[in-house]
Amino acid sequence: MSDNESREHILDEVERKAGEYEIESGCCSQGCLRALQEQFDIGNTQTYKAATALPGIALRGETCGAVGGALMAIGLVWGREDPKDMDSYFRAVSKGRKFCQAFEKEFGSMMCRDIVKQRFGKELNLADPEDAKEFMKMDGFKVCSYVPGKAARIVAGMILDSREKAQSQ
C-alpha cells in the first residue's frame, strides 16, 4: 500500500467511524471526537465525556457538535498544558480556524440549525419533544452522520499533514 493509499484509508476509516459513532451514540460531538481519539491515540474517557453536551450547544441550534468535537481533538493535538505557553495557544487557534474554514466551506455554516435544515429540508428544534420525535422518525442520527464524519476527516487530514511535514524536516 502506497503512502497515499494508506493516508486515504486512514481518512476513510476516521470518516466512517465518526459517522457510525454518531448513529450509535446520538451525539455528533462524541462521534467525531471518538473516531479521532481512537485513530490518533489522543484524549481519554474524560475527554470523551466532556463532549456530551456540545451538539448544537446543548441542542440550542447553535454551533454544530461535530465542530465542538473536532476543536476538542485539535486542542488535544496542538493545545497547551501551560497557560503561559502562548506559542501552543496560537498554534491551536490557527489550526482551529483552518478547520472552521474547511467545515464552513463544506456545509455553508457551522450552525446546527442551518445544517439540520440543509440535511432535512426543514427547520427542527431538537430540544422540542415534538421536533425530536420527528427527527427520530426521519432516522435523524443516520442522516446527520455525514457531518461528524466529514469533520473528523478534515481534522485527520490536518494531523496527517502535520506528521508528514515533521517527518520531512
Protein backbone atom coordinates (compact mmCIF):
# COMPACT_ATOMS: atom_id res chain seq x y z
CA MET A 1 0.00 0.00 0.00
CA SER A 2 1.47 3.38 -1.00
CA ASP A 3 1.64 6.31 1.39
CA ASN A 4 -1.23 7.98 -0.46
CA GLU A 5 -3.37 4.81 -0.29
CA SER A 6 -2.56 4.48 3.40
CA ARG A 7 -3.49 8.12 4.00
CA GLU A 8 -6.79 7.72 2.12
CA HIS A 9 -7.53 4.54 4.07
CA ILE A 10 -6.99 6.37 7.37
CA LEU A 11 -9.18 9.29 6.26
CA ASP A 12 -11.91 6.95 5.02
CA GLU A 13 -11.85 4.94 8.27
CA VAL A 14 -11.95 8.02 10.51
CA GLU A 15 -14.86 9.41 8.50
CA ARG A 16 -16.74 6.08 8.55
CA LYS A 17 -16.22 5.52 12.27
CA ALA A 18 -17.25 9.06 13.23
CA GLY A 19 -20.50 8.56 11.33
CA GLU A 20 -21.08 5.16 12.93
CA TYR A 21 -20.41 6.57 16.39
CA GLU A 22 -22.90 9.38 15.73
CA ILE A 23 -25.55 6.78 14.89
CA GLU A 24 -24.61 4.67 17.92
CA SER A 25 -24.46 7.47 20.48
CA GLY A 26 -26.79 10.10 19.03
CA CYS A 27 -24.08 12.66 19.71
CA CYS A 28 -22.20 14.26 16.81
CA SER A 29 -19.51 15.79 19.02
CA GLN A 30 -18.71 12.48 20.67
CA GLY A 31 -18.85 10.62 17.36
CA CYS A 32 -16.33 12.95 15.77
CA LEU A 33 -14.07 13.07 18.81
CA ARG A 34 -14.12 9.31 19.47
CA ALA A 35 -13.03 8.43 15.92
CA LEU A 36 -10.11 10.85 16.19
CA GLN A 37 -9.22 9.67 19.69
CA GLU A 38 -9.00 6.08 18.52
CA GLN A 39 -7.07 6.79 15.34
CA PHE A 40 -4.51 9.12 16.87
CA ASP A 41 -4.44 7.89 20.48
CA ILE A 42 -5.43 11.25 21.96
CA GLY A 43 -7.56 12.09 24.97
CA ASN A 44 -9.33 9.63 27.25
CA THR A 45 -12.79 8.78 28.57
CA GLN A 46 -12.96 12.07 30.48
CA THR A 47 -12.29 13.98 27.27
CA TYR A 48 -15.00 11.97 25.52
CA LYS A 49 -17.39 12.61 28.39
CA ALA A 50 -16.70 16.35 28.19
CA ALA A 51 -18.12 16.40 24.64
CA THR A 52 -21.56 15.18 25.75
CA ALA A 53 -23.45 18.49 25.83
CA LEU A 54 -21.88 20.05 22.73
CA PRO A 55 -24.41 19.13 19.99
CA GLY A 56 -25.88 22.43 18.86
CA ILE A 57 -24.55 23.82 22.16
CA ALA A 58 -26.95 21.84 24.36
CA LEU A 59 -29.43 21.42 21.47
CA ARG A 60 -29.93 25.18 21.13
CA GLY A 61 -29.30 25.04 17.36
CA GLU A 62 -26.04 26.89 17.76
CA THR A 63 -22.54 25.63 16.85
CA CYS A 64 -22.66 22.10 15.41
CA GLY A 65 -21.46 19.48 17.87
CA ALA A 66 -19.17 17.97 15.24
CA VAL A 67 -17.33 21.31 15.24
CA GLY A 68 -17.00 21.13 19.03
CA GLY A 69 -15.68 17.57 18.91
CA ALA A 70 -13.25 18.46 16.14
CA LEU A 71 -11.98 21.52 18.03
CA MET A 72 -11.51 19.39 21.14
CA ALA A 73 -9.36 16.99 19.11
CA ILE A 74 -7.36 19.93 17.74
CA GLY A 75 -6.77 21.09 21.31
CA LEU A 76 -5.62 17.60 22.30
CA VAL A 77 -3.11 17.50 19.44
CA TRP A 78 -1.86 21.09 19.31
CA GLY A 79 -3.13 22.70 22.52
CA ARG A 80 -1.21 23.84 25.53
CA GLU A 81 -0.84 22.44 29.00
CA ASP A 82 0.84 25.51 30.46
CA PRO A 83 -1.34 28.67 30.46
CA LYS A 84 1.78 30.72 29.71
CA ASP A 85 2.61 28.73 26.55
CA MET A 86 1.34 31.27 24.04
CA ASP A 87 3.05 29.56 21.08
CA SER A 88 0.95 26.42 21.58
CA TYR A 89 -2.13 28.55 22.23
CA PHE A 90 -1.80 30.42 18.93
CA ARG A 91 -0.86 27.24 17.04
CA ALA A 92 -4.05 25.51 18.28
CA VAL A 93 -6.19 28.56 17.49
CA SER A 94 -4.68 28.74 14.00
CA LYS A 95 -5.43 25.05 13.41
CA GLY A 96 -8.94 25.60 14.76
CA ARG A 97 -9.53 28.47 12.36
CA LYS A 98 -8.25 26.39 9.46
CA PHE A 99 -10.65 23.61 10.42
CA CYS A 100 -13.57 26.04 10.75
CA GLN A 101 -12.89 27.45 7.28
CA ALA A 102 -12.87 23.96 5.76
CA PHE A 103 -16.02 22.93 7.64
CA GLU A 104 -17.84 26.10 6.62
CA LYS A 105 -16.79 25.56 3.01
CA GLU A 106 -18.22 22.02 3.16
CA PHE A 107 -21.52 22.88 4.87
CA GLY A 108 -22.03 26.60 4.28
CA SER A 109 -22.39 27.18 8.03
CA MET A 110 -21.17 25.99 11.40
CA MET A 111 -24.61 26.36 12.97
CA CYS A 112 -26.54 23.21 13.87
CA ARG A 113 -29.90 24.73 12.89
CA ASP A 114 -28.58 25.60 9.41
CA ILE A 115 -27.06 22.16 8.88
CA VAL A 116 -30.20 20.41 10.13
CA LYS A 117 -32.31 22.49 7.74
CA GLN A 118 -29.88 21.65 4.92
CA ARG A 119 -29.92 17.90 5.70
CA PHE A 120 -33.68 17.58 6.37
CA GLY A 121 -35.12 20.33 4.18
CA LYS A 122 -36.85 21.97 7.14
CA GLU A 123 -36.16 23.56 10.49
CA LEU A 124 -36.17 21.29 13.51
CA ASN A 125 -35.68 22.38 17.11
CA LEU A 126 -34.09 19.26 18.56
CA ALA A 127 -34.77 20.43 22.12
CA ASP A 128 -38.51 20.42 21.38
CA PRO A 129 -40.02 16.99 22.14
CA GLU A 130 -42.25 17.01 19.03
CA ASP A 131 -39.42 18.02 16.71
CA ALA A 132 -37.16 15.45 18.40
CA LYS A 133 -39.74 12.72 17.67
CA GLU A 134 -39.90 13.83 14.05
CA PHE A 135 -36.10 13.83 13.88
CA MET A 136 -36.09 10.24 15.15
CA LYS A 137 -38.79 9.18 12.65
CA MET A 138 -36.63 10.66 9.88
CA ASP A 139 -33.69 8.49 11.04
CA GLY A 140 -32.02 11.70 12.12
CA PHE A 141 -28.80 10.34 13.55
CA LYS A 142 -28.15 8.39 10.37
CA VAL A 143 -28.93 11.40 8.19
CA CYS A 144 -26.67 13.60 10.33
CA SER A 145 -23.84 11.04 10.49
CA TYR A 146 -22.27 12.57 7.39
CA VAL A 147 -21.47 15.74 9.34
CA PRO A 148 -19.25 14.35 12.13
CA GLY A 149 -17.71 12.05 9.53
CA LYS A 150 -16.62 14.99 7.39
CA ALA A 151 -15.48 16.98 10.43
CA ALA A 152 -13.33 14.07 11.63
CA ARG A 153 -11.90 13.60 8.13
CA ILE A 154 -10.86 17.27 7.96
CA VAL A 155 -9.07 17.09 11.31
CA ALA A 156 -7.48 13.73 10.49
CA GLY A 157 -6.10 15.26 7.29
CA MET A 158 -4.65 18.14 9.28
CA ILE A 159 -2.99 15.75 11.74
CA LEU A 160 -1.56 13.62 8.94
CA ASP A 161 -0.29 16.73 7.12
CA SER A 162 1.44 17.87 10.30
CA ARG A 163 3.06 14.46 10.83
CA GLU A 164 4.20 14.27 7.21
CA LYS A 165 5.70 17.75 7.45
CA ALA A 166 7.51 16.84 10.69
CA GLN A 167 8.94 13.67 9.10
CA SER A 168 10.22 15.54 6.06
CA GLN A 169 12.16 18.04 8.15
